[in-house]
Amino acid sequence: MPPADPAHPTRPAATTDPATTGTPRPAATATARPAAPRPARPADAEATGARTEAAAGAIHDARQRIDDLDGRIIGLVQERAAVSAAIQRERIASGGRRVNLARELEILNHYRDQLGKPGTALAMTLLELCRGRA
């Protein structure tokens, strides 16, 4: 019996066909079956929780997209904080208060209307991040 395939310990390794110039050929099987999804490699499974290589690949790609989106969101929050700081400087320079509570309420309502109750919490976090230090 040929040695086990390292990628799939329950499957025999490919054998070499002497009729060709050492080209590996799959080990013989009793009947031809459609290929089942291959199990994910242990490192992929740990990283993604997937049970097949296809799922692990899809999860990896989707996570890459999320990482890209998170980078853009962070950049936008930083830009928002800079614009907010400019508004606060102008308001204070003109004799006004640093924070305009009526405007903050508008923002809270907008986020709630668009994202539901969790949107309010997100808006509160954004407002806190963008108020800066007194």
C-alpha atoms as a PDB file:
ATOM      1  CA  MET A   1       0.000   0.000   0.000  1.00  0.00           C
ATOM      2  CA  PRO A   2       1.421   3.422  -0.936  1.00  0.00           C
ATOM      3  CA  PRO A   3       2.198   5.931   1.825  1.00  0.00           C
ATOM      4  CA  ALA A   4      -0.524   8.361   2.968  1.00  0.00           C
ATOM      5  CA  ASP A   5      -0.940  11.659   1.168  1.00  0.00           C
ATOM      6  CA  PRO A   6       0.373  14.358   3.600  1.00  0.00           C
ATOM      7  CA  ALA A   7      -2.462  16.732   2.674  1.00  0.00           C
ATOM      8  CA  HIS A   8      -5.056  14.022   3.292  1.00  0.00           C
ATOM      9  CA  PRO A   9      -3.800  11.343   5.720  1.00  0.00           C
ATOM     10  CA  THR A  10      -6.782   9.066   5.032  1.00  0.00           C
ATOM     11  CA  ARG A  11      -6.045   8.985   1.282  1.00  0.00           C
ATOM     12  CA  PRO A  12      -3.095   7.105  -0.262  1.00  0.00           C
ATOM     13  CA  ALA A  13      -0.440   9.269  -1.871  1.00  0.00           C
ATOM     14  CA  ALA A  14      -0.144   9.526  -5.622  1.00  0.00           C
ATOM     15  CA  THR A  15       1.997   6.837  -7.187  1.00  0.00           C
ATOM     16  CA  THR A  16       4.410   7.162 -10.074  1.00  0.00           C
ATOM     17  CA  ASP A  17       3.336   5.742 -13.419  1.00  0.00           C
ATOM     18  CA  PRO A  18       6.336   3.897 -14.904  1.00  0.00           C
ATOM     19  CA  ALA A  19       4.864   4.246 -18.417  1.00  0.00           C
ATOM     20  CA  THR A  20       5.401   8.005 -18.204  1.00  0.00           C
ATOM     21  CA  THR A  21       8.529   9.794 -17.163  1.00  0.00           C
ATOM     22  CA  GLY A  22       7.833   9.663 -13.460  1.00  0.00           C
ATOM     23  CA  THR A  23       4.599  11.677 -13.704  1.00  0.00           C
ATOM     24  CA  PRO A  24       2.551  11.203 -10.545  1.00  0.00           C
ATOM     25  CA  ARG A  25      -0.835   9.594 -11.019  1.00  0.00           C
ATOM     26  CA  PRO A  26      -3.547   9.287  -8.402  1.00  0.00           C
ATOM     27  CA  ALA A  27      -3.766   6.034  -6.493  1.00  0.00           C
ATOM     28  CA  ALA A  28      -6.392   3.698  -7.853  1.00  0.00           C
ATOM     29  CA  THR A  29      -9.873   3.889  -6.395  1.00  0.00           C
ATOM     30  CA  ALA A  30     -12.637   1.306  -6.563  1.00  0.00           C
ATOM     31  CA  THR A  31     -15.224   3.654  -8.139  1.00  0.00           C
ATOM     32  CA  ALA A  32     -15.123   7.171  -9.485  1.00  0.00           C
ATOM     33  CA  ARG A  33     -17.029   9.612  -7.287  1.00  0.00           C
ATOM     34  CA  PRO A  34     -17.543  13.338  -7.643  1.00  0.00           C
ATOM     35  CA  ALA A  35     -14.967  15.237  -5.647  1.00  0.00           C
ATOM     36  CA  ALA A  36     -16.242  16.224  -2.214  1.00  0.00           C
ATOM     37  CA  PRO A  37     -15.201  19.590  -0.761  1.00  0.00           C
ATOM     38  CA  ARG A  38     -11.728  19.196   0.641  1.00  0.00           C
ATOM     39  CA  PRO A  39     -11.341  19.776   4.349  1.00  0.00           C
ATOM     40  CA  ALA A  40      -9.693  23.028   5.276  1.00  0.00           C
ATOM     41  CA  ARG A  41      -6.050  22.928   6.265  1.00  0.00           C
ATOM     42  CA  PRO A  42      -5.669  23.055  10.069  1.00  0.00           C
ATOM     43  CA  ALA A  43      -4.201  26.590   9.986  1.00  0.00           C
ATOM     44  CA  ASP A  44      -7.126  27.829   7.855  1.00  0.00           C
ATOM     45  CA  ALA A  45      -9.662  26.120  10.083  1.00  0.00           C
ATOM     46  CA  GLU A  46      -8.184  27.724  13.176  1.00  0.00           C
ATOM     47  CA  ALA A  47      -8.074  31.139  11.540  1.00  0.00           C
ATOM     48  CA  THR A  48     -11.522  31.047   9.943  1.00  0.00           C
ATOM     49  CA  GLY A  49     -13.524  28.335  11.681  1.00  0.00           C
ATOM     50  CA  ALA A  50     -14.291  26.876   8.238  1.00  0.00           C
ATOM     51  CA  ARG A  51     -14.448  23.156   7.570  1.00  0.00           C
ATOM     52  CA  THR A  52     -13.568  23.210   3.860  1.00  0.00           C
ATOM     53  CA  GLU A  53     -10.846  24.913   1.819  1.00  0.00           C
ATOM     54  CA  ALA A  54     -13.492  26.647  -0.314  1.00  0.00           C
ATOM     55  CA  ALA A  55     -15.192  28.114   2.752  1.00  0.00           C
ATOM     56  CA  ALA A  56     -11.841  29.092   4.285  1.00  0.00           C
ATOM     57  CA  GLY A  57     -10.906  30.864   1.046  1.00  0.00           C
ATOM     58  CA  ALA A  58     -14.237  32.694   0.875  1.00  0.00           C
ATOM     59  CA  ILE A  59     -13.933  33.736   4.525  1.00  0.00           C
ATOM     60  CA  HIS A  60     -10.336  34.879   4.003  1.00  0.00           C
ATOM     61  CA  ASP A  61     -11.385  37.001   0.992  1.00  0.00           C
ATOM     62  CA  ALA A  62     -14.361  38.493   2.854  1.00  0.00           C
ATOM     63  CA  ARG A  63     -12.171  39.289   5.858  1.00  0.00           C
ATOM     64  CA  GLN A  64      -9.704  41.040   3.548  1.00  0.00           C
ATOM     65  CA  ARG A  65     -12.585  43.181   2.247  1.00  0.00           C
ATOM     66  CA  ILE A  66     -13.665  43.958   5.824  1.00  0.00           C
ATOM     67  CA  ASP A  67     -10.088  44.970   6.695  1.00  0.00           C
ATOM     68  CA  ASP A  68     -10.065  47.303   3.678  1.00  0.00           C
ATOM     69  CA  LEU A  69     -13.439  48.773   4.674  1.00  0.00           C
ATOM     70  CA  ASP A  70     -12.267  49.216   8.272  1.00  0.00           C
ATOM     71  CA  GLY A  71      -9.236  51.131   7.015  1.00  0.00           C
ATOM     72  CA  ARG A  72     -11.491  53.430   5.008  1.00  0.00           C
ATOM     73  CA  ILE A  73     -13.869  53.875   7.969  1.00  0.00           C
ATOM     74  CA  ILE A  74     -10.980  54.772  10.283  1.00  0.00           C
ATOM     75  CA  GLY A  75      -9.719  57.286   7.732  1.00  0.00           C
ATOM     76  CA  LEU A  76     -13.188  58.822   7.460  1.00  0.00           C
ATOM     77  CA  VAL A  77     -13.520  59.051  11.243  1.00  0.00           C
ATOM     78  CA  GLN A  78     -10.150  60.810  11.401  1.00  0.00           C
ATOM     79  CA  GLU A  79     -11.262  63.200   8.658  1.00  0.00           C
ATOM     80  CA  ARG A  80     -14.553  63.793  10.482  1.00  0.00           C
ATOM     81  CA  ALA A  81     -12.646  64.568  13.690  1.00  0.00           C
ATOM     82  CA  ALA A  82     -10.492  67.134  11.858  1.00  0.00           C
ATOM     83  CA  VAL A  83     -13.562  68.856  10.363  1.00  0.00           C
ATOM     84  CA  SER A  84     -15.255  68.820  13.765  1.00  0.00           C
ATOM     85  CA  ALA A  85     -12.165  70.392  15.339  1.00  0.00           C
ATOM     86  CA  ALA A  86     -12.252  73.189  12.746  1.00  0.00           C
ATOM     87  CA  ILE A  87     -15.943  73.817  13.501  1.00  0.00           C
ATOM     88  CA  GLN A  88     -15.227  73.913  17.232  1.00  0.00           C
ATOM     89  CA  ARG A  89     -12.358  76.383  16.763  1.00  0.00           C
ATOM     90  CA  GLU A  90     -14.595  78.709  14.720  1.00  0.00           C
ATOM     91  CA  ARG A  91     -17.441  78.436  17.192  1.00  0.00           C
ATOM     92  CA  ILE A  92     -15.179  79.181  20.193  1.00  0.00           C
ATOM     93  CA  ALA A  93     -13.397  82.015  18.342  1.00  0.00           C
ATOM     94  CA  SER A  94     -16.769  83.631  17.690  1.00  0.00           C
ATOM     95  CA  GLY A  95     -17.690  83.443  21.376  1.00  0.00           C
ATOM     96  CA  GLY A  96     -19.821  80.312  21.178  1.00  0.00           C
ATOM     97  CA  ARG A  97     -19.623  77.022  23.023  1.00  0.00           C
ATOM     98  CA  ARG A  98     -17.406  74.173  21.878  1.00  0.00           C
ATOM     99  CA  VAL A  99     -20.343  71.732  21.595  1.00  0.00           C
ATOM    100  CA  ASN A 100     -23.719  72.400  19.965  1.00  0.00           C
ATOM    101  CA  LEU A 101     -26.119  69.987  21.643  1.00  0.00           C
ATOM    102  CA  ALA A 102     -28.942  70.632  19.147  1.00  0.00           C
ATOM    103  CA  ARG A 103     -26.645  69.600  16.282  1.00  0.00           C
ATOM    104  CA  GLU A 104     -25.527  66.499  18.184  1.00  0.00           C
ATOM    105  CA  LEU A 105     -29.184  65.528  18.662  1.00  0.00           C
ATOM    106  CA  GLU A 106     -29.711  65.841  14.890  1.00  0.00           C
ATOM    107  CA  ILE A 107     -26.763  63.505  14.313  1.00  0.00           C
ATOM    108  CA  LEU A 108     -28.025  60.992  16.887  1.00  0.00           C
ATOM    109  CA  ASN A 109     -31.473  60.960  15.285  1.00  0.00           C
ATOM    110  CA  HIS A 110     -30.010  60.554  11.792  1.00  0.00           C
ATOM    111  CA  TYR A 111     -27.920  57.531  12.796  1.00  0.00           C
ATOM    112  CA  ARG A 112     -30.849  55.999  14.673  1.00  0.00           C
ATOM    113  CA  ASP A 113     -33.140  56.489  11.676  1.00  0.00           C
ATOM    114  CA  GLN A 114     -30.629  54.880   9.315  1.00  0.00           C
ATOM    115  CA  LEU A 115     -29.247  52.072  11.525  1.00  0.00           C
ATOM    116  CA  GLY A 116     -31.765  51.533  14.297  1.00  0.00           C
ATOM    117  CA  LYS A 117     -30.971  51.601  17.995  1.00  0.00           C
ATOM    118  CA  PRO A 118     -27.338  50.462  17.533  1.00  0.00           C
ATOM    119  CA  GLY A 119     -26.907  53.485  15.250  1.00  0.00           C
ATOM    120  CA  THR A 120     -27.458  55.735  18.250  1.00  0.00           C
ATOM    121  CA  ALA A 121     -24.588  54.063  20.093  1.00  0.00           C
ATOM    122  CA  LEU A 122     -22.384  54.395  17.009  1.00  0.00           C
ATOM    123  CA  ALA A 123     -23.252  58.089  16.718  1.00  0.00           C
ATOM    124  CA  MET A 124     -22.473  58.625  20.409  1.00  0.00           C
ATOM    125  CA  THR A 125     -19.062  57.027  19.887  1.00  0.00           C
ATOM    126  CA  LEU A 126     -18.386  59.183  16.823  1.00  0.00           C
ATOM    127  CA  LEU A 127     -19.423  62.332  18.657  1.00  0.00           C
ATOM    128  CA  GLU A 128     -17.158  61.427  21.553  1.00  0.00           C
ATOM    129  CA  LEU A 129     -14.232  60.754  19.213  1.00  0.00           C
ATOM    130  CA  CYS A 130     -14.806  63.991  17.304  1.00  0.00           C
ATOM    131  CA  ARG A 131     -15.359  66.379  20.206  1.00  0.00           C
ATOM    132  CA  GLY A 132     -11.689  66.284  21.046  1.00  0.00           C
ATOM    133  CA  ARG A 133     -10.355  67.459  24.359  1.00  0.00           C
ATOM    134  CA  ALA A 134     -11.760  70.512  26.107  1.00  0.00           C
END
